[in-house]
Amino acid sequence: MAWYRQAPGKQRELVARISRGGSTSYADSVK
């Protein structure tokens, strides 16, 4: 499962992702 975001005038970006087992990854901007 993951969260993406899209700001006005910008491309959609991946914010954070989590595997079923709980492993997470984050965009540098939100770490």
Full PDB file with SEQRES, HELIX, SHEET, SSBOND, CRYST1, ORIGX, SCALE, CONECT and MASTER records, all heavy atoms in Angstrom:
SEQRES   1 A   31  MET ALA TRP TYR ARG GLN ALA PRO GLY LYS GLN ARG GLU          
SEQRES   2 A   31  LEU VAL ALA ARG ILE SER ARG GLY GLY SER THR SER TYR          
SEQRES   3 A   31  ALA ASP SER VAL LYS                                          
SHEET    1 AA1 3 ALA A   2  ARG A   5  0                                        
SHEET    2 AA1 3 GLU A  13  ILE A  18 -1                                        
SHEET    3 AA1 3 THR A  24  TYR A  26 -1                                        
CRYST1    1.000    1.000    1.000  90.00  90.00  90.00 P 1           1          
ORIGX1      1.000000  0.000000  0.000000        0.00000                         
ORIGX2      0.000000  1.000000  0.000000        0.00000                         
ORIGX3      0.000000  0.000000  1.000000        0.00000                         
SCALE1      1.000000  0.000000  0.000000        0.00000                         
SCALE2      0.000000  1.000000  0.000000        0.00000                         
SCALE3      0.000000  0.000000  1.000000        0.00000                         
ATOM      1  N   MET A   1       0.858  -1.173   0.000  1.00  0.00           N  
ATOM      2  CA  MET A   1       0.000   0.000   0.000  1.00  0.00           C  
ATOM      3  C   MET A   1       0.898   1.228   0.000  1.00  0.00           C  
ATOM      4  O   MET A   1       2.021   1.191   0.508  1.00  0.00           O  
ATOM      5  CB  MET A   1      -0.928   0.014   1.212  1.00  0.00           C  
ATOM      6  CG  MET A   1      -1.796  -1.218   1.331  1.00  0.00           C  
ATOM      7  SD  MET A   1      -2.981  -1.155   2.711  1.00  0.00           S  
ATOM      8  CE  MET A   1      -4.230  -0.060   2.003  1.00  0.00           C  
ATOM      9  N   ALA A   2       0.393   2.311  -0.565  1.00  0.00           N  
ATOM     10  CA  ALA A   2       1.219   3.505  -0.704  1.00  0.00           C  
ATOM     11  C   ALA A   2       0.366   4.758  -0.723  1.00  0.00           C  
ATOM     12  O   ALA A   2      -0.843   4.708  -0.975  1.00  0.00           O  
ATOM     13  CB  ALA A   2       2.058   3.433  -1.982  1.00  0.00           C  
ATOM     14  N   TRP A   3       1.017   5.878  -0.444  1.00  0.00           N  
ATOM     15  CA  TRP A   3       0.416   7.193  -0.595  1.00  0.00           C  
ATOM     16  C   TRP A   3       1.179   7.967  -1.663  1.00  0.00           C  
ATOM     17  O   TRP A   3       2.413   8.012  -1.642  1.00  0.00           O  
ATOM     18  CB  TRP A   3       0.444   7.988   0.709  1.00  0.00           C  
ATOM     19  CG  TRP A   3      -0.560   7.541   1.716  1.00  0.00           C  
ATOM     20  CD1 TRP A   3      -0.366   6.681   2.751  1.00  0.00           C  
ATOM     21  CD2 TRP A   3      -1.929   7.949   1.791  1.00  0.00           C  
ATOM     22  NE1 TRP A   3      -1.517   6.520   3.471  1.00  0.00           N  
ATOM     23  CE2 TRP A   3      -2.501   7.285   2.900  1.00  0.00           C  
ATOM     24  CE3 TRP A   3      -2.726   8.803   1.037  1.00  0.00           C  
ATOM     25  CZ2 TRP A   3      -3.838   7.452   3.269  1.00  0.00           C  
ATOM     26  CZ3 TRP A   3      -4.052   8.971   1.395  1.00  0.00           C  
ATOM     27  CH2 TRP A   3      -4.594   8.301   2.498  1.00  0.00           C  
ATOM     28  N   TYR A   4       0.435   8.558  -2.568  1.00  0.00           N  
ATOM     29  CA  TYR A   4       0.963   9.477  -3.567  1.00  0.00           C  
ATOM     30  C   TYR A   4       0.341  10.848  -3.333  1.00  0.00           C  
ATOM     31  O   TYR A   4      -0.682  10.974  -2.662  1.00  0.00           O  
ATOM     32  CB  TYR A   4       0.621   9.014  -4.984  1.00  0.00           C  
ATOM     33  CG  TYR A   4       1.354   7.775  -5.450  1.00  0.00           C  
ATOM     34  CD1 TYR A   4       0.988   6.510  -5.000  1.00  0.00           C  
ATOM     35  CD2 TYR A   4       2.402   7.882  -6.361  1.00  0.00           C  
ATOM     36  CE1 TYR A   4       1.655   5.380  -5.438  1.00  0.00           C  
ATOM     37  CE2 TYR A   4       3.070   6.753  -6.811  1.00  0.00           C  
ATOM     38  CZ  TYR A   4       2.682   5.504  -6.341  1.00  0.00           C  
ATOM     39  OH  TYR A   4       3.345   4.381  -6.792  1.00  0.00           O  
ATOM     40  N   ARG A   5       0.953  11.871  -3.903  1.00  0.00           N  
ATOM     41  CA  ARG A   5       0.359  13.192  -3.827  1.00  0.00           C  
ATOM     42  C   ARG A   5       0.622  13.953  -5.120  1.00  0.00           C  
ATOM     43  O   ARG A   5       1.593  13.695  -5.825  1.00  0.00           O  
ATOM     44  CB  ARG A   5       0.890  13.985  -2.634  1.00  0.00           C  
ATOM     45  CG  ARG A   5       2.356  14.389  -2.725  1.00  0.00           C  
ATOM     46  CD  ARG A   5       2.802  15.058  -1.432  1.00  0.00           C  
ATOM     47  NE  ARG A   5       4.191  15.493  -1.493  1.00  0.00           N  
ATOM     48  CZ  ARG A   5       4.865  15.979  -0.450  1.00  0.00           C  
ATOM     49  NH1 ARG A   5       4.270  16.092   0.735  1.00  0.00           N  
ATOM     50  NH2 ARG A   5       6.130  16.349  -0.598  1.00  0.00           N  
ATOM     51  N   GLN A   6      -0.266  14.880  -5.400  1.00  0.00           N  
ATOM     52  CA  GLN A   6      -0.120  15.722  -6.574  1.00  0.00           C  
ATOM     53  C   GLN A   6      -0.508  17.147  -6.206  1.00  0.00           C  
ATOM     54  O   GLN A   6      -1.648  17.412  -5.832  1.00  0.00           O  
ATOM     55  CB  GLN A   6      -0.976  15.225  -7.734  1.00  0.00           C  
ATOM     56  CG  GLN A   6      -0.741  15.977  -9.029  1.00  0.00           C  
ATOM     57  CD  GLN A   6      -1.290  15.253 -10.240  1.00  0.00           C  
ATOM     58  OE1 GLN A   6      -2.181  14.412 -10.117  1.00  0.00           O  
ATOM     59  NE2 GLN A   6      -0.768  15.569 -11.404  1.00  0.00           N  
ATOM     60  N   ALA A   7       0.459  18.043  -6.304  1.00  0.00           N  
ATOM     61  CA  ALA A   7       0.237  19.453  -6.040  1.00  0.00           C  
ATOM     62  C   ALA A   7      -0.165  20.151  -7.332  1.00  0.00           C  
ATOM     63  O   ALA A   7       0.136  19.670  -8.431  1.00  0.00           O  
ATOM     64  CB  ALA A   7       1.495  20.089  -5.458  1.00  0.00           C  
ATOM     65  N   PRO A   8      -0.836  21.298  -7.235  1.00  0.00           N  
ATOM     66  CA  PRO A   8      -1.232  22.031  -8.433  1.00  0.00           C  
ATOM     67  C   PRO A   8      -0.042  22.333  -9.334  1.00  0.00           C  
ATOM     68  O   PRO A   8       0.981  22.840  -8.864  1.00  0.00           O  
ATOM     69  CB  PRO A   8      -1.843  23.314  -7.877  1.00  0.00           C  
ATOM     70  CG  PRO A   8      -2.331  22.935  -6.517  1.00  0.00           C  
ATOM     71  CD  PRO A   8      -1.311  21.962  -6.007  1.00  0.00           C  
ATOM     72  N   GLY A   9      -0.170  21.997 -10.605  1.00  0.00           N  
ATOM     73  CA  GLY A   9       0.870  22.276 -11.566  1.00  0.00           C  
ATOM     74  C   GLY A   9       2.083  21.373 -11.496  1.00  0.00           C  
ATOM     75  O   GLY A   9       3.078  21.627 -12.189  1.00  0.00           O  
ATOM     76  N   LYS A  10       2.026  20.327 -10.684  1.00  0.00           N  
ATOM     77  CA  LYS A  10       3.161  19.430 -10.533  1.00  0.00           C  
ATOM     78  C   LYS A  10       2.757  17.993 -10.833  1.00  0.00           C  
ATOM     79  O   LYS A  10       1.575  17.645 -10.832  1.00  0.00           O  
ATOM     80  CB  LYS A  10       3.742  19.516  -9.123  1.00  0.00           C  
ATOM     81  CG  LYS A  10       4.193  20.906  -8.721  1.00  0.00           C  
ATOM     82  CD  LYS A  10       5.022  20.879  -7.465  1.00  0.00           C  
ATOM     83  CE  LYS A  10       6.377  20.240  -7.720  1.00  0.00           C  
ATOM     84  NZ  LYS A  10       7.262  20.313  -6.519  1.00  0.00           N  
ATOM     85  N   GLN A  11       3.752  17.165 -11.090  1.00  0.00           N  
ATOM     86  CA  GLN A  11       3.510  15.759 -11.356  1.00  0.00           C  
ATOM     87  C   GLN A  11       3.207  15.007 -10.065  1.00  0.00           C  
ATOM     88  O   GLN A  11       3.633  15.404  -8.983  1.00  0.00           O  
ATOM     89  CB  GLN A  11       4.721  15.136 -12.048  1.00  0.00           C  
ATOM     90  CG  GLN A  11       5.017  15.695 -13.431  1.00  0.00           C  
ATOM     91  CD  GLN A  11       6.216  15.025 -14.078  1.00  0.00           C  
ATOM     92  OE1 GLN A  11       7.092  14.518 -13.390  1.00  0.00           O  
ATOM     93  NE2 GLN A  11       6.246  15.020 -15.395  1.00  0.00           N  
ATOM     94  N   ARG A  12       2.474  13.925 -10.207  1.00  0.00           N  
ATOM     95  CA  ARG A  12       2.196  13.078  -9.059  1.00  0.00           C  
ATOM     96  C   ARG A  12       3.484  12.409  -8.588  1.00  0.00           C  
ATOM     97  O   ARG A  12       4.301  11.961  -9.407  1.00  0.00           O  
ATOM     98  CB  ARG A  12       1.159  12.015  -9.424  1.00  0.00           C  
ATOM     99  CG  ARG A  12       0.718  11.142  -8.257  1.00  0.00           C  
ATOM    100  CD  ARG A  12      -0.341  10.150  -8.682  1.00  0.00           C  
ATOM    101  NE  ARG A  12       0.162   9.207  -9.665  1.00  0.00           N  
ATOM    102  CZ  ARG A  12      -0.567   8.259 -10.225  1.00  0.00           C  
ATOM    103  NH1 ARG A  12      -1.858   8.132  -9.914  1.00  0.00           N  
ATOM    104  NH2 ARG A  12      -0.020   7.437 -11.105  1.00  0.00           N  
ATOM    105  N   GLU A  13       3.664  12.324  -7.283  1.00  0.00           N  
ATOM    106  CA  GLU A  13       4.864  11.724  -6.734  1.00  0.00           C  
ATOM    107  C   GLU A  13       4.520  10.719  -5.643  1.00  0.00           C  
ATOM    108  O   GLU A  13       3.521  10.854  -4.935  1.00  0.00           O  
ATOM    109  CB  GLU A  13       5.806  12.792  -6.177  1.00  0.00           C  
ATOM    110  CG  GLU A  13       5.249  13.551  -4.982  1.00  0.00           C  
ATOM    111  CD  GLU A  13       6.264  14.484  -4.343  1.00  0.00           C  
ATOM    112  OE1 GLU A  13       7.478  14.278  -4.542  1.00  0.00           O  
ATOM    113  OE2 GLU A  13       5.835  15.418  -3.634  1.00  0.00           O  
ATOM    114  N   LEU A  14       5.372   9.733  -5.511  1.00  0.00           N  
ATOM    115  CA  LEU A  14       5.235   8.753  -4.443  1.00  0.00           C  
ATOM    116  C   LEU A  14       5.720   9.372  -3.140  1.00  0.00           C  
ATOM    117  O   LEU A  14       6.840   9.870  -3.056  1.00  0.00           O  
ATOM    118  CB  LEU A  14       6.044   7.502  -4.768  1.00  0.00           C  
ATOM    119  CG  LEU A  14       6.095   6.414  -3.689  1.00  0.00           C  
ATOM    120  CD1 LEU A  14       4.712   5.839  -3.421  1.00  0.00           C  
ATOM    121  CD2 LEU A  14       7.069   5.313  -4.095  1.00  0.00           C  
ATOM    122  N   VAL A  15       4.876   9.322  -2.117  1.00  0.00           N  
ATOM    123  CA  VAL A  15       5.211   9.868  -0.808  1.00  0.00           C  
ATOM    124  C   VAL A  15       5.796   8.798   0.100  1.00  0.00           C  
ATOM    125  O   VAL A  15       6.843   8.990   0.722  1.00  0.00           O  
ATOM    126  CB  VAL A  15       3.976  10.504  -0.144  1.00  0.00           C  
ATOM    127  CG1 VAL A  15       4.308  11.007   1.257  1.00  0.00           C  
ATOM    128  CG2 VAL A  15       3.433  11.638  -1.005  1.00  0.00           C  
ATOM    129  N   ALA A  16       5.106   7.679   0.191  1.00  0.00           N  
ATOM    130  CA  ALA A  16       5.539   6.606   1.073  1.00  0.00           C  
ATOM    131  C   ALA A  16       4.896   5.303   0.641  1.00  0.00           C  
ATOM    132  O   ALA A  16       3.801   5.289   0.086  1.00  0.00           O  
ATOM    133  CB  ALA A  16       5.174   6.904   2.532  1.00  0.00           C  
ATOM    134  N   ARG A  17       5.588   4.220   0.921  1.00  0.00           N  
ATOM    135  CA  ARG A  17       5.105   2.898   0.534  1.00  0.00           C  
ATOM    136  C   ARG A  17       5.389   1.929   1.657  1.00  0.00           C  
ATOM    137  O   ARG A  17       6.417   2.019   2.329  1.00  0.00           O  
ATOM    138  CB  ARG A  17       5.781   2.438  -0.758  1.00  0.00           C  
ATOM    139  CG  ARG A  17       5.340   1.072  -1.266  1.00  0.00           C  
ATOM    140  CD  ARG A  17       6.122   0.693  -2.514  1.00  0.00           C  
ATOM    141  NE  ARG A  17       5.681  -0.572  -3.087  1.00  0.00           N  
ATOM    142  CZ  ARG A  17       6.106  -1.756  -2.694  1.00  0.00           C  
ATOM    143  NH1 ARG A  17       7.004  -1.844  -1.713  1.00  0.00           N  
ATOM    144  NH2 ARG A  17       5.652  -2.862  -3.268  1.00  0.00           N  
ATOM    145  N   ILE A  18       4.475   0.962   1.847  1.00  0.00           N  
ATOM    146  CA  ILE A  18       4.658  -0.050   2.871  1.00  0.00           C  
ATOM    147  C   ILE A  18       4.259  -1.407   2.309  1.00  0.00           C  
ATOM    148  O   ILE A  18       3.212  -1.566   1.686  1.00  0.00           O  
ATOM    149  CB  ILE A  18       3.857   0.289   4.150  1.00  0.00           C  
ATOM    150  CG1 ILE A  18       4.156  -0.714   5.265  1.00  0.00           C  
ATOM    151  CG2 ILE A  18       2.365   0.375   3.867  1.00  0.00           C  
ATOM    152  CD1 ILE A  18       3.640  -0.257   6.628  1.00  0.00           C  
ATOM    153  N   SER A  19       5.116  -2.385   2.509  1.00  0.00           N  
ATOM    154  CA  SER A  19       4.824  -3.736   2.065  1.00  0.00           C  
ATOM    155  C   SER A  19       3.854  -4.400   3.033  1.00  0.00           C  
ATOM    156  O   SER A  19       3.587  -3.902   4.127  1.00  0.00           O  
ATOM    157  CB  SER A  19       6.111  -4.553   1.967  1.00  0.00           C  
ATOM    158  OG  SER A  19       6.622  -4.834   3.261  1.00  0.00           O  
ATOM    159  N   ARG A  20       3.337  -5.540   2.636  1.00  0.00           N  
ATOM    160  CA  ARG A  20       2.445  -6.263   3.530  1.00  0.00           C  
ATOM    161  C   ARG A  20       3.159  -6.644   4.821  1.00  0.00           C  
ATOM    162  O   ARG A  20       2.539  -6.678   5.896  1.00  0.00           O  
ATOM    163  CB  ARG A  20       1.895  -7.511   2.842  1.00  0.00           C  
ATOM    164  CG  ARG A  20       0.959  -8.311   3.725  1.00  0.00           C  
ATOM    165  CD  ARG A  20       0.214  -9.386   2.974  1.00  0.00           C  
ATOM    166  NE  ARG A  20      -0.652 -10.148   3.860  1.00  0.00           N  
ATOM    167  CZ  ARG A  20      -1.856  -9.751   4.261  1.00  0.00           C  
ATOM    168  NH1 ARG A  20      -2.351  -8.598   3.837  1.00  0.00           N  
ATOM    169  NH2 ARG A  20      -2.572 -10.511   5.082  1.00  0.00           N  
ATOM    170  N   GLY A  21       4.447  -6.911   4.738  1.00  0.00           N  
ATOM    171  CA  GLY A  21       5.226  -7.264   5.907  1.00  0.00           C  
ATOM    172  C   GLY A  21       5.651  -6.087   6.756  1.00  0.00           C  
ATOM    173  O   GLY A  21       6.252  -6.289   7.820  1.00  0.00           O  
ATOM    174  N   GLY A  22       5.373  -4.857   6.304  1.00  0.00           N  
ATOM    175  CA  GLY A  22       5.658  -3.687   7.111  1.00  0.00           C  
ATOM    176  C   GLY A  22       6.910  -2.918   6.753  1.00  0.00           C  
ATOM    177  O   GLY A  22       7.248  -1.943   7.438  1.00  0.00           O  
ATOM    178  N   SER A  23       7.618  -3.310   5.710  1.00  0.00           N  
ATOM    179  CA  SER A  23       8.794  -2.560   5.278  1.00  0.00           C  
ATOM    180  C   SER A  23       8.357  -1.260   4.617  1.00  0.00           C  
ATOM    181  O   SER A  23       7.491  -1.260   3.749  1.00  0.00           O  
ATOM    182  CB  SER A  23       9.635  -3.383   4.306  1.00  0.00           C  
ATOM    183  OG  SER A  23      10.120  -4.561   4.927  1.00  0.00           O  
ATOM    184  N   THR A  24       8.969  -0.154   5.017  1.00  0.00           N  
ATOM    185  CA  THR A  24       8.557   1.158   4.536  1.00  0.00           C  
ATOM    186  C   THR A  24       9.656   1.857   3.763  1.00  0.00           C  
ATOM    187  O   THR A  24      10.848   1.609   3.968  1.00  0.00           O  
ATOM    188  CB  THR A  24       8.128   2.068   5.693  1.00  0.00           C  
ATOM    189  OG1 THR A  24       9.195   2.167   6.645  1.00  0.00           O  
ATOM    190  CG2 THR A  24       6.897   1.519   6.389  1.00  0.00           C  
ATOM    191  N   SER A  25       9.246   2.744   2.883  1.00  0.00           N  
ATOM    192  CA  SER A  25      10.148   3.634   2.180  1.00  0.00           C  
ATOM    193  C   SER A  25       9.459   4.988   2.044  1.00  0.00           C  
ATOM    194  O   SER A  25       8.231   5.061   1.964  1.00  0.00           O  
ATOM    195  CB  SER A  25      10.540   3.078   0.808  1.00  0.00           C  
ATOM    196  OG  SER A  25       9.400   2.908  -0.016  1.00  0.00           O  
ATOM    197  N   TYR A  26      10.264   6.063   2.026  1.00  0.00           N  
ATOM    198  CA  TYR A  26       9.728   7.413   2.011  1.00  0.00           C  
ATOM    199  C   TYR A  26      10.449   8.264   0.989  1.00  0.00           C  
ATOM    200  O   TYR A  26      11.639   8.084   0.721  1.00  0.00           O  
ATOM    201  CB  TYR A  26       9.888   8.082   3.379  1.00  0.00           C  
ATOM    202  CG  TYR A  26       9.188   7.378   4.514  1.00  0.00           C  
ATOM    203  CD1 TYR A  26       9.835   6.382   5.238  1.00  0.00           C  
ATOM    204  CD2 TYR A  26       7.890   7.716   4.851  1.00  0.00           C  
ATOM    205  CE1 TYR A  26       9.189   5.737   6.280  1.00  0.00           C  
ATOM    206  CE2 TYR A  26       7.241   7.072   5.897  1.00  0.00           C  
ATOM    207  CZ  TYR A  26       7.899   6.080   6.611  1.00  0.00           C  
ATOM    208  OH  TYR A  26       7.261   5.446   7.649  1.00  0.00           O  
ATOM    209  N   ALA A  27       9.723   9.218   0.446  1.00  0.00           N  
ATOM    210  CA  ALA A  27      10.360  10.229  -0.378  1.00  0.00           C  
ATOM    211  C   ALA A  27      11.290  11.064   0.493  1.00  0.00           C  
ATOM    212  O   ALA A  27      11.020  11.289   1.678  1.00  0.00           O  
ATOM    213  CB  ALA A  27       9.310  11.125  -1.025  1.00  0.00           C  
ATOM    214  N   ASP A  28      12.388  11.520  -0.091  1.00  0.00           N  
ATOM    215  CA  ASP A  28      13.353  12.305   0.677  1.00  0.00           C  
ATOM    216  C   ASP A  28      12.713  13.546   1.309  1.00  0.00           C  
ATOM    217  O   ASP A  28      13.104  13.964   2.402  1.00  0.00           O  
ATOM    218  CB  ASP A  28      14.516  12.732  -0.218  1.00  0.00           C  
ATOM    219  CG  ASP A  28      15.425  11.575  -0.573  1.00  0.00           C  
ATOM    220  OD1 ASP A  28      15.403  10.552   0.124  1.00  0.00           O  
ATOM    221  OD2 ASP A  28      16.180  11.715  -1.565  1.00  0.00           O  
ATOM    222  N   SER A  29      11.740  14.112   0.637  1.00  0.00           N  
ATOM    223  CA  SER A  29      11.127  15.344   1.102  1.00  0.00           C  
ATOM    224  C   SER A  29      10.306  15.179   2.381  1.00  0.00           C  
ATOM    225  O   SER A  29      10.006  16.168   3.050  1.00  0.00           O  
ATOM    226  CB  SER A  29      10.238  15.939   0.006  1.00  0.00           C  
ATOM    227  OG  SER A  29       9.218  15.035  -0.370  1.00  0.00           O  
ATOM    228  N   VAL A  30       9.949  13.938   2.730  1.00  0.00           N  
ATOM    229  CA  VAL A  30       9.110  13.722   3.909  1.00  0.00           C  
ATOM    230  C   VAL A  30       9.788  12.883   4.981  1.00  0.00           C  
ATOM    231  O   VAL A  30       9.205  12.690   6.059  1.00  0.00           O  
ATOM    232  CB  VAL A  30       7.762  13.076   3.531  1.00  0.00           C  
ATOM    233  CG1 VAL A  30       7.059  13.891   2.456  1.00  0.00           C  
ATOM    234  CG2 VAL A  30       7.947  11.629   3.082  1.00  0.00           C  
ATOM    235  N   LYS A  31      10.983  12.400   4.728  1.00  0.00           N  
ATOM    236  CA  LYS A  31      11.686  11.579   5.705  1.00  0.00           C  
ATOM    237  C   LYS A  31      11.891  12.341   7.008  1.00  0.00           C  
ATOM    238  O   LYS A  31      12.274  13.506   7.001  1.00  0.00           O  
ATOM    239  CB  LYS A  31      13.039  11.127   5.156  1.00  0.00           C  
ATOM    240  CG  LYS A  31      12.952  10.052   4.099  1.00  0.00           C  
ATOM    241  CD  LYS A  31      14.338   9.648   3.610  1.00  0.00           C  
ATOM    242  CE  LYS A  31      14.260   8.555   2.564  1.00  0.00           C  
ATOM    243  NZ  LYS A  31      15.603   8.190   2.036  1.00  0.00           N  
TER     244      LYS A  31                                                      
MASTER        0    0    0    0    3    0    0    6  243    1    0    3          
END                                                                             
